[in-house]
Amino acid sequence: MKDNVSRPGYKCQNIKVKTLAFSLYTECMQVNPAIFRSYDIRGIYPDELSPEAAKMIGIGYAEFLRRVTKHSHPTVLVGRDTRFSSDTLHQKLVEGLIRNGAAVVDIGIGTTPELYFLTLTRHGIEGGIMITASHNQPEYNGFKFLLSRLGDIGLKNGLQRIRKFGEKKLRVGIRIGKVKSIAEQDRYLSKLRSFVPKIPQIRVLVNAAGGATSFLLPSLLGSYPVVYKPIFFDPDPTFEHHPPNPLLEGVETNMKLEMKSTKFHLGVCFDGDGDRVSFFDEKGNRIRADIVFALLARESLEKHRGRRFAFELTHAKFLRPFIETYGGELIDTKVGRIDIRRVMTESQAVLGGETSAHVYHQELQNIDSALLTMLKMFRVVGKLSRPISEVVSGISSSSFLQKAILVNHQKSVIQKFANTYKNSTRSMLDGVTVQYPTWWFNIRASNTESLVRLTLETGSGAESASRLKSLTAEVMSYD
């Protein structure tokens, strides 16, 4: 398969495929069940997620898709990020798909939102698979799955079946599927431009982190009067400069250093597969994701009051009254793409968000396109008459902290917190939310890693630090 875009440093092996009818039995093997997470498949390559496992997953997904769609030879859109293991996993995944009769349409290296958009809008596509581990360290990789008509696939509605179909000794290869490559990134970018046709002149620092957005940013930014300094735009399979997680403290340090050299209105940093973006004020300080969401919601409500917005429950307390002040309604959800997109569909919310820097857009099929979030934020900041730091400081003055804590027994830790704080628990929507008169905290199990995530909000930094230390010790004592 040839890549559909000239992308330096990446070579794809050509697979010549003929359409044949034949009988074949797969070797029975087990795929590590631990890599099947709530929303995707993710593990260390090749110890947890091997090339052979990728082939079995391809076989399993083709079988799952055939049974769900009732299509004997379903067509699957496949894309991948820039990780060093993505090419090999791509080759074996495609081998599994076509050996079980699926046709493959390959978009090459791209972003997860790009693949989702094409899967949901391109005629004749039954499903999509993105090869990526998103923000995880370079030794990780994984798969994200989508059905064109039925939406996201998670552990509860498909991943377990995919694993079983892949492990089962299936008779496969009734017909080997075909593989073809397409180049449709321009259609995706044109759609983004149609939502934000104009942006005021603005100076920005843009950090692609060596990830997949580096292939799309030059073309997209070239359409606007944006003066930008690009950093880490070269695809980097090992993420040498910094991990592909825009929320890490080291990223903020790096952005501050870069922004000292030139006067910028805003800084931007993406994750590895282009579904998360973090913003930094003109001084290089990170702007919290719920504050970014508030600014985008306010702009939306200036056009149409009465709109609804969905955000996972760990946002700071300012967000609800802020949105209500401008005539909107905020709906709390569980953390995660599947739950947020579902709530957005049910409530007709125009934006969805997470503190992890995902923003979902109704006009783009409720997809969390970081590039569209960037364009909207450029428009917001470009219209301001004062620095973004001054605007942010006037929105929320509380102390808000989040911490990820590595644990061995997620469910046990959460249950012990539920028992300990049962008289003060306000919500069990996602983990345990405990509310006191002047502060609150939430503790929940991560859906993608062996962590619990702790969020707390108090009236001062000193109080937050003290309570964070105490709660962290409590987590460790329960593990």
Protein backbone atom coordinates (compact mmCIF):
# COMPACT_ATOMS: atom_id res chain seq x y z
CA MET A 1 0.00 0.00 0.00
CA LYS A 2 1.35 3.35 -0.91
CA ASP A 3 0.91 6.28 1.36
CA ASN A 4 -1.47 8.76 -0.20
CA VAL A 5 0.67 11.78 0.69
CA SER A 6 4.38 12.39 0.40
CA ARG A 7 5.48 11.95 3.99
CA PRO A 8 9.25 12.01 4.57
CA GLY A 9 10.78 9.16 6.52
CA TYR A 10 7.89 6.72 6.11
CA LYS A 11 7.87 3.79 3.73
CA CYS A 12 4.93 1.51 3.31
CA GLN A 13 5.34 -1.97 1.90
CA ASN A 14 3.40 -2.69 -1.26
CA ILE A 15 0.93 -5.53 -0.78
CA LYS A 16 -0.30 -7.02 -4.03
CA VAL A 17 -3.71 -8.54 -3.46
CA LYS A 18 -5.79 -10.63 -5.80
CA THR A 19 -9.41 -11.46 -5.24
CA LEU A 20 -9.53 -15.20 -4.63
CA ALA A 21 -11.97 -17.72 -3.24
CA PHE A 22 -10.43 -20.28 -0.93
CA SER A 23 -10.75 -22.02 2.45
CA LEU A 24 -8.42 -21.30 5.31
CA TYR A 25 -8.41 -21.86 9.05
CA THR A 26 -6.68 -19.47 11.39
CA GLU A 27 -4.35 -20.76 14.04
CA CYS A 28 -5.96 -20.50 17.43
CA MET A 29 -4.11 -18.02 19.64
CA GLN A 30 -4.99 -15.77 22.52
CA VAL A 31 -4.78 -12.01 22.46
CA ASN A 32 -3.78 -10.43 25.78
CA PRO A 33 -7.14 -9.44 27.35
CA ALA A 34 -5.48 -6.65 29.37
CA ILE A 35 -5.02 -4.52 26.24
CA PHE A 36 -8.79 -4.30 25.71
CA ARG A 37 -9.72 -1.05 27.46
CA SER A 38 -13.03 0.76 27.92
CA TYR A 39 -12.82 2.66 24.63
CA ASP A 40 -10.00 1.09 22.63
CA ILE A 41 -7.17 -1.41 22.48
CA ARG A 42 -3.87 -0.22 23.89
CA GLY A 43 -0.62 -1.85 25.02
CA ILE A 44 3.18 -1.90 24.89
CA TYR A 45 4.61 -3.00 21.54
CA PRO A 46 5.47 -5.80 20.95
CA ASP A 47 5.26 -7.39 24.42
CA GLU A 48 1.55 -6.72 24.98
CA LEU A 49 0.42 -5.82 21.47
CA SER A 50 2.32 -7.93 18.94
CA PRO A 51 2.10 -7.97 15.13
CA GLU A 52 0.41 -11.37 15.32
CA ALA A 53 -2.17 -9.96 17.74
CA ALA A 54 -2.85 -7.17 15.25
CA LYS A 55 -3.61 -9.74 12.57
CA MET A 56 -6.00 -11.60 14.88
CA ILE A 57 -7.70 -8.32 15.78
CA GLY A 58 -8.14 -7.61 12.07
CA ILE A 59 -9.72 -11.04 11.58
CA GLY A 60 -11.96 -10.46 14.60
CA TYR A 61 -13.06 -6.98 13.52
CA ALA A 62 -13.94 -8.18 10.02
CA GLU A 63 -16.11 -10.92 11.53
CA PHE A 64 -17.70 -8.52 14.02
CA LEU A 65 -18.45 -6.01 11.26
CA ARG A 66 -19.93 -8.67 9.01
CA ARG A 67 -22.32 -9.82 11.73
CA VAL A 68 -23.34 -6.35 12.88
CA THR A 69 -23.83 -4.82 9.43
CA LYS A 70 -25.08 -7.99 7.69
CA HIS A 71 -22.64 -7.14 4.91
CA SER A 72 -20.77 -10.21 3.68
CA HIS A 73 -17.70 -8.21 2.60
CA PRO A 74 -17.59 -5.02 4.66
CA THR A 75 -15.30 -2.12 3.79
CA VAL A 76 -13.02 -0.75 6.51
CA LEU A 77 -11.23 2.61 6.52
CA VAL A 78 -7.78 2.31 8.14
CA GLY A 79 -5.38 5.05 9.26
CA ARG A 80 -2.33 5.28 11.49
CA ASP A 81 -0.27 7.77 13.48
CA THR A 82 3.48 8.42 13.33
CA ARG A 83 4.65 5.89 15.94
CA PHE A 84 7.55 3.61 15.05
CA SER A 85 5.37 0.50 15.44
CA SER A 86 2.38 1.79 13.46
CA ASP A 87 3.64 0.62 10.05
CA THR A 88 4.14 -2.98 11.19
CA LEU A 89 0.82 -3.11 13.06
CA HIS A 90 -0.87 -1.57 10.03
CA GLN A 91 0.50 -4.28 7.73
CA LYS A 92 -0.62 -7.13 10.00
CA LEU A 93 -4.01 -5.58 10.80
CA VAL A 94 -4.75 -5.20 7.09
CA GLU A 95 -3.61 -8.77 6.49
CA GLY A 96 -6.13 -9.99 9.06
CA LEU A 97 -8.93 -7.85 7.66
CA ILE A 98 -8.52 -8.96 4.05
CA ARG A 99 -7.97 -12.60 4.98
CA ASN A 100 -11.40 -12.56 6.55
CA GLY A 101 -13.03 -11.01 3.51
CA ALA A 102 -13.07 -7.30 4.36
CA ALA A 103 -12.05 -4.64 1.85
CA VAL A 104 -9.63 -2.00 3.14
CA VAL A 105 -9.48 1.68 2.22
CA ASP A 106 -6.19 3.10 3.49
CA ILE A 107 -5.81 6.81 4.30
CA GLY A 108 -2.17 6.43 5.33
CA ILE A 109 -0.84 8.57 8.17
CA GLY A 110 -3.49 10.91 9.57
CA THR A 111 -5.33 12.02 12.66
CA THR A 112 -8.03 10.14 14.53
CA PRO A 113 -10.67 12.86 13.90
CA GLU A 114 -9.82 12.78 10.19
CA LEU A 115 -10.39 9.02 10.09
CA TYR A 116 -13.64 9.36 12.06
CA PHE A 117 -14.92 12.07 9.72
CA LEU A 118 -14.15 10.03 6.60
CA THR A 119 -15.65 6.86 8.12
CA LEU A 120 -18.89 8.67 8.96
CA THR A 121 -19.23 10.59 5.69
CA ARG A 122 -17.68 8.50 2.91
CA HIS A 123 -20.11 6.36 0.92
CA GLY A 124 -19.66 2.60 1.15
CA ILE A 125 -17.70 2.48 4.42
CA GLU A 126 -18.96 0.14 7.15
CA GLY A 127 -16.28 0.77 9.80
CA GLY A 128 -13.01 2.44 10.65
CA ILE A 129 -9.85 1.60 12.59
CA MET A 130 -7.21 4.08 13.72
CA ILE A 131 -3.82 2.71 14.74
CA THR A 132 -2.66 4.94 17.60
CA ALA A 133 -1.96 5.11 21.31
CA SER A 134 -2.90 8.79 21.39
CA HIS A 135 -1.01 10.54 24.22
CA ASN A 136 0.81 7.47 25.60
CA GLN A 137 4.58 7.02 25.56
CA PRO A 138 6.16 5.93 22.22
CA GLU A 139 6.50 2.28 23.25
CA TYR A 140 2.70 2.00 23.33
CA ASN A 141 0.33 1.54 20.42
CA GLY A 142 -3.25 0.51 19.89
CA PHE A 143 -6.47 0.62 17.89
CA LYS A 144 -9.57 2.81 17.99
CA PHE A 145 -12.72 1.46 16.31
CA LEU A 146 -15.81 3.03 14.79
CA LEU A 147 -18.95 1.83 13.04
CA SER A 148 -20.18 4.17 10.33
CA ARG A 149 -23.84 3.91 11.33
CA LEU A 150 -23.75 2.77 14.94
CA GLY A 151 -20.95 4.94 16.31
CA ASP A 152 -18.14 4.20 18.76
CA ILE A 153 -17.09 0.70 19.73
CA GLY A 154 -16.04 0.10 23.33
CA LEU A 155 -15.57 -2.77 25.72
CA LYS A 156 -19.31 -3.11 26.40
CA ASN A 157 -20.52 -3.03 22.81
CA GLY A 158 -17.96 -4.79 20.67
CA LEU A 159 -14.33 -5.05 21.79
CA GLN A 160 -14.88 -8.29 23.70
CA ARG A 161 -16.62 -9.82 20.69
CA ILE A 162 -13.79 -8.71 18.41
CA ARG A 163 -11.30 -10.47 20.71
CA LYS A 164 -13.35 -13.67 20.78
CA PHE A 165 -13.83 -13.70 17.01
CA GLY A 166 -10.11 -13.13 16.54
CA GLU A 167 -9.15 -15.95 18.92
CA LYS A 168 -11.73 -18.42 17.69
CA LYS A 169 -10.66 -20.97 15.13
CA LEU A 170 -12.66 -19.38 12.33
CA ARG A 171 -12.92 -20.46 8.77
CA VAL A 172 -11.68 -17.34 7.07
CA GLY A 173 -10.77 -16.16 3.62
CA ILE A 174 -13.96 -17.10 1.81
CA ARG A 175 -12.79 -14.23 -0.34
CA ILE A 176 -9.65 -12.18 0.13
CA GLY A 177 -10.54 -8.53 0.30
CA LYS A 178 -8.97 -5.77 -1.72
CA VAL A 179 -6.81 -2.88 -0.53
CA LYS A 180 -6.76 0.59 -2.01
CA SER A 181 -5.37 3.94 -0.89
CA ILE A 182 -7.17 7.26 -0.97
CA ALA A 183 -6.12 10.87 -0.49
CA GLU A 184 -8.99 12.77 1.11
CA GLN A 185 -7.33 14.96 3.71
CA ASP A 186 -8.28 18.01 1.60
CA ARG A 187 -11.96 17.14 2.00
CA TYR A 188 -11.52 17.00 5.76
CA LEU A 189 -9.66 20.31 5.87
CA SER A 190 -12.23 21.95 3.60
CA LYS A 191 -14.95 20.92 6.02
CA LEU A 192 -13.03 22.48 8.93
CA ARG A 193 -12.55 25.71 6.97
CA SER A 194 -16.27 25.86 6.23
CA PHE A 195 -17.03 26.00 9.96
CA VAL A 196 -14.50 28.78 10.62
CA PRO A 197 -14.20 30.73 7.35
CA LYS A 198 -12.54 33.80 8.88
CA ILE A 199 -10.05 34.42 11.67
CA PRO A 200 -8.67 37.82 12.74
CA GLN A 201 -4.94 38.28 12.33
CA ILE A 202 -3.16 36.55 15.17
CA ARG A 203 0.37 35.46 16.17
CA VAL A 204 0.66 31.95 17.58
CA LEU A 205 3.19 29.31 18.59
CA VAL A 206 2.14 25.89 17.29
CA ASN A 207 3.65 22.67 18.69
CA ALA A 208 2.76 19.57 16.65
CA ALA A 209 4.75 17.33 19.06
CA GLY A 210 6.03 15.25 16.13
CA GLY A 211 2.54 13.78 15.77
CA ALA A 212 0.01 13.30 12.99
CA THR A 213 -1.26 16.89 12.95
CA SER A 214 2.08 17.94 11.47
CA PHE A 215 0.84 16.64 8.10
CA LEU A 216 -2.28 18.82 8.16
CA LEU A 217 -1.27 22.03 9.93
CA PRO A 218 0.70 23.78 7.15
CA SER A 219 -2.16 23.52 4.67
CA LEU A 220 -4.81 24.48 7.21
CA LEU A 221 -2.96 27.43 8.74
CA GLY A 222 -1.98 28.70 5.30
CA SER A 223 -5.64 29.48 4.65
CA TYR A 224 -5.79 32.21 7.32
CA PRO A 225 -3.97 35.43 8.25
CA VAL A 226 -2.18 33.56 11.02
CA VAL A 227 1.47 34.25 11.72
CA TYR A 228 2.80 31.14 13.39
CA LYS A 229 6.05 29.66 14.57
CA PRO A 230 6.06 25.88 14.03
CA ILE A 231 7.89 23.63 16.45
CA PHE A 232 8.30 19.85 16.19
CA PHE A 233 6.49 19.69 12.85
CA ASP A 234 8.74 16.89 11.60
CA PRO A 235 7.10 13.48 12.17
CA ASP A 236 8.85 11.83 15.10
CA PRO A 237 8.18 8.09 15.65
CA THR A 238 9.89 8.19 19.06
CA PHE A 239 8.59 11.61 20.26
CA GLU A 240 12.15 12.59 21.10
CA HIS A 241 11.41 16.19 22.11
CA HIS A 242 8.62 15.40 24.56
CA PRO A 243 5.90 12.75 24.98
CA PRO A 244 2.74 13.29 22.88
CA ASN A 245 0.73 14.39 25.92
CA PRO A 246 0.06 18.15 25.84
CA LEU A 247 -0.96 18.18 29.52
CA LEU A 248 2.44 17.22 30.93
CA GLU A 249 4.27 19.84 33.01
CA GLY A 250 7.33 19.57 30.80
CA VAL A 251 5.31 20.71 27.82
CA GLU A 252 4.30 23.90 29.64
CA THR A 253 7.94 24.56 30.53
CA ASN A 254 8.93 24.11 26.91
CA MET A 255 6.17 26.41 25.66
CA LYS A 256 7.15 29.15 28.13
CA LEU A 257 10.73 29.08 26.91
CA GLU A 258 9.65 29.27 23.28
CA MET A 259 7.14 32.06 23.88
CA LYS A 260 9.69 34.28 25.59
CA SER A 261 11.52 34.84 22.30
CA THR A 262 8.58 36.38 20.42
CA LYS A 263 5.34 38.11 21.29
CA PHE A 264 2.54 35.64 20.67
CA HIS A 265 -1.17 35.98 21.37
CA LEU A 266 -1.52 32.26 22.07
CA GLY A 267 0.34 28.95 22.21
CA VAL A 268 -0.98 25.60 20.98
CA CYS A 269 0.20 22.02 21.59
CA PHE A 270 -1.31 18.83 20.13
CA ASP A 271 -1.22 15.20 21.16
CA GLY A 272 -0.03 12.31 19.00
CA ASP A 273 -3.20 11.61 17.00
CA GLY A 274 -4.83 15.02 16.82
CA ASP A 275 -7.87 14.66 19.06
CA ARG A 276 -6.55 16.76 21.96
CA VAL A 277 -5.10 20.27 22.05
CA SER A 278 -3.86 22.38 24.96
CA PHE A 279 -3.65 26.19 24.87
CA PHE A 280 -1.22 28.60 26.54
CA ASP A 281 -1.63 32.31 27.22
CA GLU A 282 0.78 34.97 25.93
CA LYS A 283 3.07 34.28 28.92
CA GLY A 284 3.21 30.55 28.26
CA ASN A 285 0.90 29.57 31.12
CA ARG A 286 -1.47 26.72 30.37
CA ILE A 287 -5.15 27.63 30.01
CA ARG A 288 -7.23 24.97 31.73
CA ALA A 289 -9.45 22.93 29.41
CA ASP A 290 -12.70 23.85 31.15
CA ILE A 291 -11.83 27.56 30.78
CA VAL A 292 -11.15 27.04 27.07
CA PHE A 293 -14.52 25.31 26.87
CA ALA A 294 -16.20 28.24 28.66
CA LEU A 295 -14.78 30.70 26.12
CA LEU A 296 -15.97 28.58 23.20
CA ALA A 297 -19.40 28.18 24.80
CA ARG A 298 -19.72 31.92 25.36
CA GLU A 299 -18.94 32.62 21.71
CA SER A 300 -21.54 30.05 20.67
CA LEU A 301 -24.19 31.57 22.98
CA GLU A 302 -23.54 35.05 21.63
CA LYS A 303 -25.04 33.76 18.39
CA HIS A 304 -27.82 31.58 19.79
CA ARG A 305 -29.00 31.57 23.41
CA GLY A 306 -30.56 28.43 24.83
CA ARG A 307 -27.95 26.03 23.51
CA ARG A 308 -26.86 22.98 25.47
CA PHE A 309 -23.34 21.89 26.33
CA ALA A 310 -21.97 18.62 27.72
CA PHE A 311 -18.87 18.30 29.90
CA GLU A 312 -17.61 15.43 32.00
CA LEU A 313 -18.25 15.87 35.70
CA THR A 314 -14.74 16.81 36.89
CA HIS A 315 -14.89 20.41 35.64
CA ALA A 316 -14.47 23.31 38.09
CA LYS A 317 -17.63 24.68 39.69
CA PHE A 318 -17.53 28.01 37.83
CA LEU A 319 -18.50 26.37 34.53
CA ARG A 320 -22.21 25.79 35.12
CA PRO A 321 -23.10 29.33 36.32
CA PHE A 322 -20.82 30.81 33.64
CA ILE A 323 -22.71 29.04 30.85
CA GLU A 324 -26.08 29.79 32.45
CA THR A 325 -25.20 33.50 32.66
CA TYR A 326 -24.99 33.60 28.86
CA GLY A 327 -28.24 31.69 28.41
CA GLY A 328 -26.97 28.12 28.04
CA GLU A 329 -27.40 24.81 29.82
CA LEU A 330 -24.63 22.50 31.03
CA ILE A 331 -25.08 18.71 31.24
CA ASP A 332 -22.65 16.61 33.28
CA THR A 333 -21.50 13.29 31.80
CA LYS A 334 -19.18 10.43 32.60
CA VAL A 335 -15.61 10.79 31.38
CA GLY A 336 -14.85 9.40 27.92
CA ARG A 337 -15.63 9.76 24.25
CA ILE A 338 -18.42 7.19 24.07
CA ASP A 339 -20.46 8.66 26.93
CA ILE A 340 -19.96 12.28 25.91
CA ARG A 341 -20.88 11.70 22.28
CA ARG A 342 -23.94 9.73 23.36
CA VAL A 343 -25.13 12.51 25.67
CA MET A 344 -24.48 15.11 22.98
CA THR A 345 -26.61 13.16 20.53
CA GLU A 346 -29.45 12.66 23.02
CA SER A 347 -29.48 16.28 24.25
CA GLN A 348 -28.49 17.98 20.97
CA ALA A 349 -25.58 19.66 22.74
CA VAL A 350 -23.46 21.82 20.43
CA LEU A 351 -20.17 21.24 22.25
CA GLY A 352 -18.80 18.53 24.51
CA GLY A 353 -15.64 18.65 26.57
CA GLU A 354 -13.24 16.97 28.96
CA THR A 355 -10.57 18.29 31.31
CA SER A 356 -8.16 16.11 29.33
CA ALA A 357 -8.48 18.69 26.51
CA HIS A 358 -10.93 16.92 24.21
CA VAL A 359 -13.59 19.16 22.64
CA TYR A 360 -16.40 17.55 20.63
CA HIS A 361 -18.19 19.51 17.91
CA GLN A 362 -21.81 18.90 16.93
CA GLU A 363 -21.30 20.26 13.40
CA LEU A 364 -18.57 17.65 12.83
CA GLN A 365 -20.60 14.58 13.80
CA ASN A 366 -19.69 15.13 17.49
CA ILE A 367 -16.04 14.37 16.68
CA ASP A 368 -13.26 15.70 18.94
CA SER A 369 -11.26 17.48 16.26
CA ALA A 370 -8.35 19.32 17.88
CA LEU A 371 -7.80 21.26 14.65
CA LEU A 372 -11.36 22.61 14.70
CA THR A 373 -10.96 23.50 18.38
CA MET A 374 -7.79 25.41 17.46
CA LEU A 375 -9.54 27.39 14.72
CA LYS A 376 -12.40 28.35 17.03
CA MET A 377 -10.00 29.38 19.77
CA PHE A 378 -8.00 31.49 17.30
CA ARG A 379 -11.22 33.27 16.39
CA VAL A 380 -12.07 33.90 20.04
CA VAL A 381 -8.61 35.21 20.96
CA GLY A 382 -8.33 37.25 17.77
CA LYS A 383 -11.40 39.25 18.75
CA LEU A 384 -10.17 40.09 22.27
CA SER A 385 -9.23 43.65 23.12
CA ARG A 386 -6.92 42.56 25.96
CA PRO A 387 -4.47 39.70 26.55
CA ILE A 388 -5.97 36.26 27.01
CA SER A 389 -4.28 35.96 30.43
CA GLU A 390 -6.41 38.83 31.76
CA VAL A 391 -9.58 37.24 30.43
CA VAL A 392 -8.73 33.88 31.98
CA SER A 393 -7.90 35.35 35.39
CA GLY A 394 -11.37 36.88 35.57
CA ILE A 395 -13.21 33.62 34.88
CA SER A 396 -12.13 31.34 37.73
CA SER A 397 -10.17 32.16 40.88
CA SER A 398 -10.40 28.85 42.75
CA SER A 399 -7.54 26.37 43.11
CA PHE A 400 -8.17 23.38 40.85
CA LEU A 401 -5.83 20.36 40.75
CA GLN A 402 -5.80 16.99 39.03
CA LYS A 403 -3.42 14.10 39.64
CA ALA A 404 -3.00 10.63 38.16
CA ILE A 405 -1.93 7.98 40.69
CA LEU A 406 -0.60 4.58 39.67
CA VAL A 407 -2.40 1.76 41.48
CA ASN A 408 -2.69 -2.02 41.24
CA HIS A 409 -6.34 -2.35 42.27
CA GLN A 410 -8.49 0.38 40.74
CA LYS A 411 -11.91 -1.02 41.66
CA SER A 412 -10.89 -1.75 45.23
CA VAL A 413 -9.54 1.77 45.77
CA ILE A 414 -12.71 3.38 44.40
CA GLN A 415 -14.95 1.15 46.51
CA LYS A 416 -13.03 1.96 49.69
CA PHE A 417 -13.43 5.67 49.00
CA ALA A 418 -17.16 5.12 48.46
CA ASN A 419 -17.41 3.37 51.82
CA THR A 420 -15.29 5.92 53.70
CA TYR A 421 -17.12 8.97 52.35
CA LYS A 422 -20.63 7.57 52.00
CA ASN A 423 -22.13 10.31 54.19
CA SER A 424 -20.61 13.09 52.08
CA THR A 425 -20.90 11.55 48.63
CA ARG A 426 -22.76 13.74 46.19
CA SER A 427 -22.51 11.60 43.07
CA MET A 428 -21.49 8.15 41.84
CA LEU A 429 -21.94 9.09 38.19
CA ASP A 430 -18.28 8.35 37.51
CA GLY A 431 -16.19 7.21 40.45
CA VAL A 432 -16.91 9.01 43.73
CA THR A 433 -17.61 12.74 44.00
CA VAL A 434 -17.48 14.11 47.54
CA GLN A 435 -18.84 17.59 48.29
CA TYR A 436 -18.12 19.78 51.33
CA PRO A 437 -19.24 23.39 51.91
CA THR A 438 -15.95 24.94 50.71
CA TRP A 439 -14.28 22.23 48.65
CA TRP A 440 -14.90 19.00 46.75
CA PHE A 441 -13.05 16.11 45.15
CA ASN A 442 -13.65 13.29 42.70
CA ILE A 443 -11.75 10.05 42.39
CA ARG A 444 -12.31 7.73 39.44
CA ALA A 445 -10.60 4.86 37.65
CA SER A 446 -8.81 5.70 34.40
CA ASN A 447 -10.34 4.09 31.33
CA THR A 448 -7.02 3.79 29.48
CA GLU A 449 -4.32 3.17 32.11
CA SER A 450 -3.77 1.45 35.48
CA LEU A 451 -4.42 4.70 37.33
CA VAL A 452 -6.93 6.46 39.49
CA ARG A 453 -7.49 10.11 38.66
CA LEU A 454 -7.98 12.55 41.50
CA THR A 455 -9.59 15.97 41.00
CA LEU A 456 -10.09 18.55 43.74
CA GLU A 457 -11.09 22.19 43.98
CA THR A 458 -10.56 24.42 47.01
CA GLY A 459 -10.34 28.09 47.82
CA SER A 460 -6.54 28.39 47.83
CA GLY A 461 -3.40 26.80 46.48
CA ALA A 462 -2.11 26.00 49.95
CA GLU A 463 -5.30 24.21 50.89
CA SER A 464 -5.31 22.26 47.60
CA ALA A 465 -1.71 21.14 48.11
CA SER A 466 -2.47 19.97 51.63
CA ARG A 467 -5.62 18.10 50.69
CA LEU A 468 -3.97 16.58 47.62
CA LYS A 469 -1.17 15.20 49.78
CA SER A 470 -3.65 13.75 52.26
CA LEU A 471 -5.87 12.18 49.59
CA THR A 472 -2.89 10.73 47.73
CA ALA A 473 -1.72 9.03 50.93
CA GLU A 474 -5.23 7.67 51.39
CA VAL A 475 -5.21 6.22 47.86
CA MET A 476 -1.92 4.45 48.55
CA SER A 477 -3.18 3.04 51.83
CA TYR A 478 -6.22 1.55 50.07
CA ASP A 479 -4.27 -0.05 47.20
